[in-house]
Protein backbone atom coordinates (compact mmCIF):
# COMPACT_ATOMS: atom_id res chain seq x y z
CA MET A 1 -17.68 21.12 -35.36
CA ARG A 2 -14.43 21.91 -33.90
CA THR A 3 -16.12 21.75 -29.87
CA ILE A 4 -17.14 17.96 -30.92
CA ARG A 5 -13.60 17.36 -32.33
CA VAL A 6 -12.36 18.56 -29.21
CA ALA A 7 -14.73 16.63 -26.87
CA SER A 8 -13.73 13.48 -28.69
CA ALA A 9 -9.96 14.13 -28.21
CA ALA A 10 -10.47 14.62 -24.46
CA LEU A 11 -12.59 11.59 -24.40
CA LEU A 12 -10.03 9.50 -26.09
CA THR A 13 -7.10 10.76 -23.69
CA ALA A 14 -9.46 10.13 -20.61
CA THR A 15 -9.83 6.93 -21.72
CA ALA A 16 -6.34 6.32 -22.21
CA LEU A 17 -5.47 7.52 -19.18
CA ALA A 18 -8.02 5.29 -17.11
CA LEU A 19 -6.99 2.31 -18.79
CA THR A 20 -3.52 2.68 -17.36
CA ALA A 21 -4.25 3.52 -14.29
CA PRO A 22 -3.14 1.28 -11.76
CA PRO A 23 -6.04 -0.19 -9.83
CA ALA A 24 -7.67 1.13 -6.67
CA SER A 25 -6.78 -2.02 -4.61
CA ALA A 26 -3.88 -3.92 -5.30
CA ALA A 27 -4.65 -6.98 -3.12
CA VAL A 28 -2.40 -9.97 -3.91
CA ALA A 29 -4.22 -12.70 -5.05
CA GLY A 30 -4.53 -15.80 -2.57
CA GLU A 31 -4.14 -13.67 0.32
CA GLU A 32 -7.18 -13.03 2.27
CA ASN A 33 -6.76 -11.78 6.05
CA ILE A 34 -10.18 -12.55 6.92
CA THR A 35 -10.68 -13.67 10.32
CA SER A 36 -13.34 -14.12 13.11
CA PHE A 37 -11.70 -11.43 15.20
CA GLY A 38 -11.11 -7.99 14.83
CA PHE A 39 -7.60 -6.60 15.18
CA ARG A 40 -5.69 -3.34 14.62
CA VAL A 41 -2.57 -1.47 14.80
CA THR A 42 -2.73 2.52 16.33
CA PRO A 43 -1.10 4.58 14.35
CA SER A 44 -0.51 2.83 11.18
CA THR A 45 2.32 4.95 10.80
CA ILE A 46 4.93 5.73 12.85
CA ALA A 47 8.73 6.84 13.60
CA ALA A 48 10.83 4.76 15.27
CA GLY A 49 11.15 4.38 18.53
CA GLY A 50 7.29 5.42 19.12
CA GLN A 51 4.64 3.53 20.73
CA VAL A 52 2.05 1.55 19.42
CA THR A 53 -1.34 0.43 20.34
CA LEU A 54 -2.21 -3.05 19.61
CA SER A 55 -6.15 -3.86 19.79
CA VAL A 56 -8.08 -6.94 19.28
CA ASP A 57 -11.91 -7.74 19.23
CA GLY A 58 -13.92 -10.91 19.73
CA CYS A 59 -10.65 -12.90 20.58
CA GLU A 60 -11.83 -15.87 23.22
CA HIS A 61 -7.90 -16.82 23.63
CA ASN A 62 -4.60 -14.99 24.51
CA THR A 63 -4.16 -13.14 21.46
CA LYS A 64 -0.19 -12.98 20.50
CA VAL A 65 0.82 -10.43 18.48
CA THR A 66 4.10 -10.50 16.44
CA SER A 67 6.20 -8.28 14.08
CA GLY A 68 10.05 -7.81 13.19
CA VAL A 69 9.40 -4.31 14.26
CA PHE A 70 8.89 -4.87 17.99
CA ASP A 71 9.10 -7.13 20.41
CA ASP A 72 6.20 -9.90 20.96
CA VAL A 73 3.53 -9.14 22.58
CA THR A 74 0.60 -10.87 24.56
CA ILE A 75 -2.89 -9.34 24.79
CA PRO A 76 -4.61 -11.51 27.84
CA LYS A 77 -7.60 -12.94 27.14
CA GLY A 78 -10.31 -10.41 28.55
CA GLN A 79 -8.04 -7.77 27.63
CA SER A 80 -8.56 -5.52 24.32
CA SER A 81 -5.21 -3.76 23.87
CA ALA A 82 -1.81 -3.32 25.29
CA THR A 83 1.21 -1.22 23.72
CA ALA A 84 4.33 -2.07 22.01
CA MET A 85 7.50 0.30 21.42
CA VAL A 86 8.79 0.20 18.02
CA PHE A 87 12.62 -0.75 17.53
CA TRP A 88 14.83 2.70 17.29
CA ASP A 89 16.60 0.95 14.38
CA ALA A 90 13.47 0.41 12.06
CA LYS A 91 14.21 1.54 8.71
CA PRO A 92 12.19 4.81 7.50
CA GLY A 93 9.90 4.23 4.72
CA ALA A 94 9.86 0.71 5.41
CA MET A 95 6.55 -1.19 5.85
CA TYR A 96 6.56 -3.89 8.61
CA GLU A 97 3.97 -6.60 9.18
CA VAL A 98 2.04 -7.35 11.99
CA THR A 99 0.52 -10.47 12.92
CA PHE A 100 -2.08 -11.38 15.38
CA THR A 101 -2.95 -14.78 16.57
CA CYS A 102 -5.99 -15.82 18.45
CA GLY A 103 -6.31 -19.57 19.37
CA GLN A 104 -5.88 -21.08 15.68
CA GLU A 105 -6.16 -18.43 13.48
CA SER A 106 -3.89 -15.43 12.40
CA GLY A 107 -4.16 -12.03 10.77
CA THR A 108 -1.90 -9.31 9.45
CA THR A 109 -1.71 -5.87 8.99
CA ASP A 110 0.69 -3.49 7.92
CA LEU A 111 3.18 -0.81 10.07
CA THR A 112 4.64 1.89 8.16
CA ILE A 113 7.90 3.91 9.42
CA VAL A 114 8.54 7.47 8.74
CA GLY A 115 10.90 9.77 9.71
CA GLY A 116 14.54 9.19 11.18
CA SER A 117 15.86 6.74 13.93
CA ASN A 118 17.52 8.22 17.14
CA PRO A 119 21.37 8.25 16.56
CA SER A 120 22.42 8.10 20.36
CA HIS A 121 20.48 4.78 20.77
CA HIS A 122 22.70 1.55 19.53
CA PRO A 123 20.39 -1.03 18.50
CA THR A 124 20.27 -4.52 20.27
CA PRO A 125 20.07 -7.76 17.91
CA HIS A 126 17.44 -9.49 19.62
CA HIS A 127 15.19 -9.23 16.59
CA THR A 128 15.79 -10.91 13.47
CA ARG A 129 13.10 -10.82 11.48
CA GLY A 130 13.33 -8.26 8.27
CA VAL A 131 11.17 -6.16 6.51
CA LYS A 132 8.09 -6.91 4.55
CA ALA A 133 8.42 -5.69 1.17
CA GLY A 134 7.49 -5.90 -2.63
CA VAL A 135 3.91 -6.80 -1.58
CA GLY A 136 1.42 -5.49 -4.03
CA GLY A 137 1.71 -1.82 -4.99
CA SER A 138 3.33 -1.02 -1.72
CA SER A 139 6.88 -1.38 -2.90
CA GLY A 140 7.04 2.20 -4.79
CA GLY A 141 9.17 0.32 -7.68
CA PHE A 142 8.28 1.17 -11.13
CA ASP A 143 8.18 -1.93 -13.77
CA ALA A 144 9.63 -0.81 -17.14
CA GLN A 145 7.26 -2.80 -19.41
CA GLN A 146 4.07 -1.39 -17.63
CA LEU A 147 5.48 2.14 -18.35
CA ALA A 148 6.12 1.16 -21.75
CA LEU A 149 3.05 0.08 -22.32
CA GLY A 150 1.39 3.20 -20.58
CA GLY A 151 3.62 5.28 -22.75
CA ALA A 152 2.86 3.55 -25.88
CA LEU A 153 -1.46 3.97 -25.09
CA ILE A 154 -1.32 7.57 -24.36
CA ALA A 155 0.93 8.38 -27.18
CA GLY A 156 -1.28 5.89 -29.65
CA VAL A 157 -4.61 7.98 -28.36
CA LEU A 158 -3.28 11.24 -28.76
CA GLY A 159 -2.09 10.36 -32.27
CA THR A 160 -5.19 9.14 -32.93
CA ALA A 161 -7.02 12.04 -31.76
CA TYR A 162 -4.18 14.40 -33.21
CA TYR A 163 -4.80 13.15 -36.88
CA TRP A 164 -8.78 13.03 -36.43
CA THR A 165 -8.61 16.65 -35.81
CA ARG A 166 -6.00 17.36 -38.01
CA ARG A 167 -7.92 14.91 -41.03
CA ARG A 168 -11.61 16.68 -40.27
CA THR A 169 -10.16 20.27 -40.40
CA GLY A 170 -9.70 20.19 -44.32
CA GLN A 171 -13.25 18.66 -44.99
CA ASP A 172 -15.40 21.20 -42.38
CA GLU A 173 -14.48 24.06 -43.49
CA SER A 174 -15.20 23.87 -47.08
């Protein structure tokens, strides 16, 4: 009988944790990124001052690539890639949106900045677009209401498991 009680408590705890875990995909409602052409930024995580490769597949026009973290780039029709230098003053830990525009269609992807910047380089004021922040679960912040709800659910499950385990102890041993 002890095995059943322990298994029940473990199952209740696992269920509570599963219900309070964030979803695997934090897509924002209404934001679809489906285009008739393919695009990517390689690497998708880079240090300030680094070089990225911008690639496009299946675009029958010139492709314009824009972001707040590098100068605008045009990939000519018939070519599949171009490079861009990330600004030295890009904020470490920030996520920047990169937009690929082919004809009338646009698609976006993210570029994350890691590491520090070069202190000997003085940034130029030629770019004014800001950092993409607060999208889905990417902001890294904590929501007090969600934390409280998750804590209450876990405490309730653990309390219920403890109650049933202690309650049955007296009945089963007679």
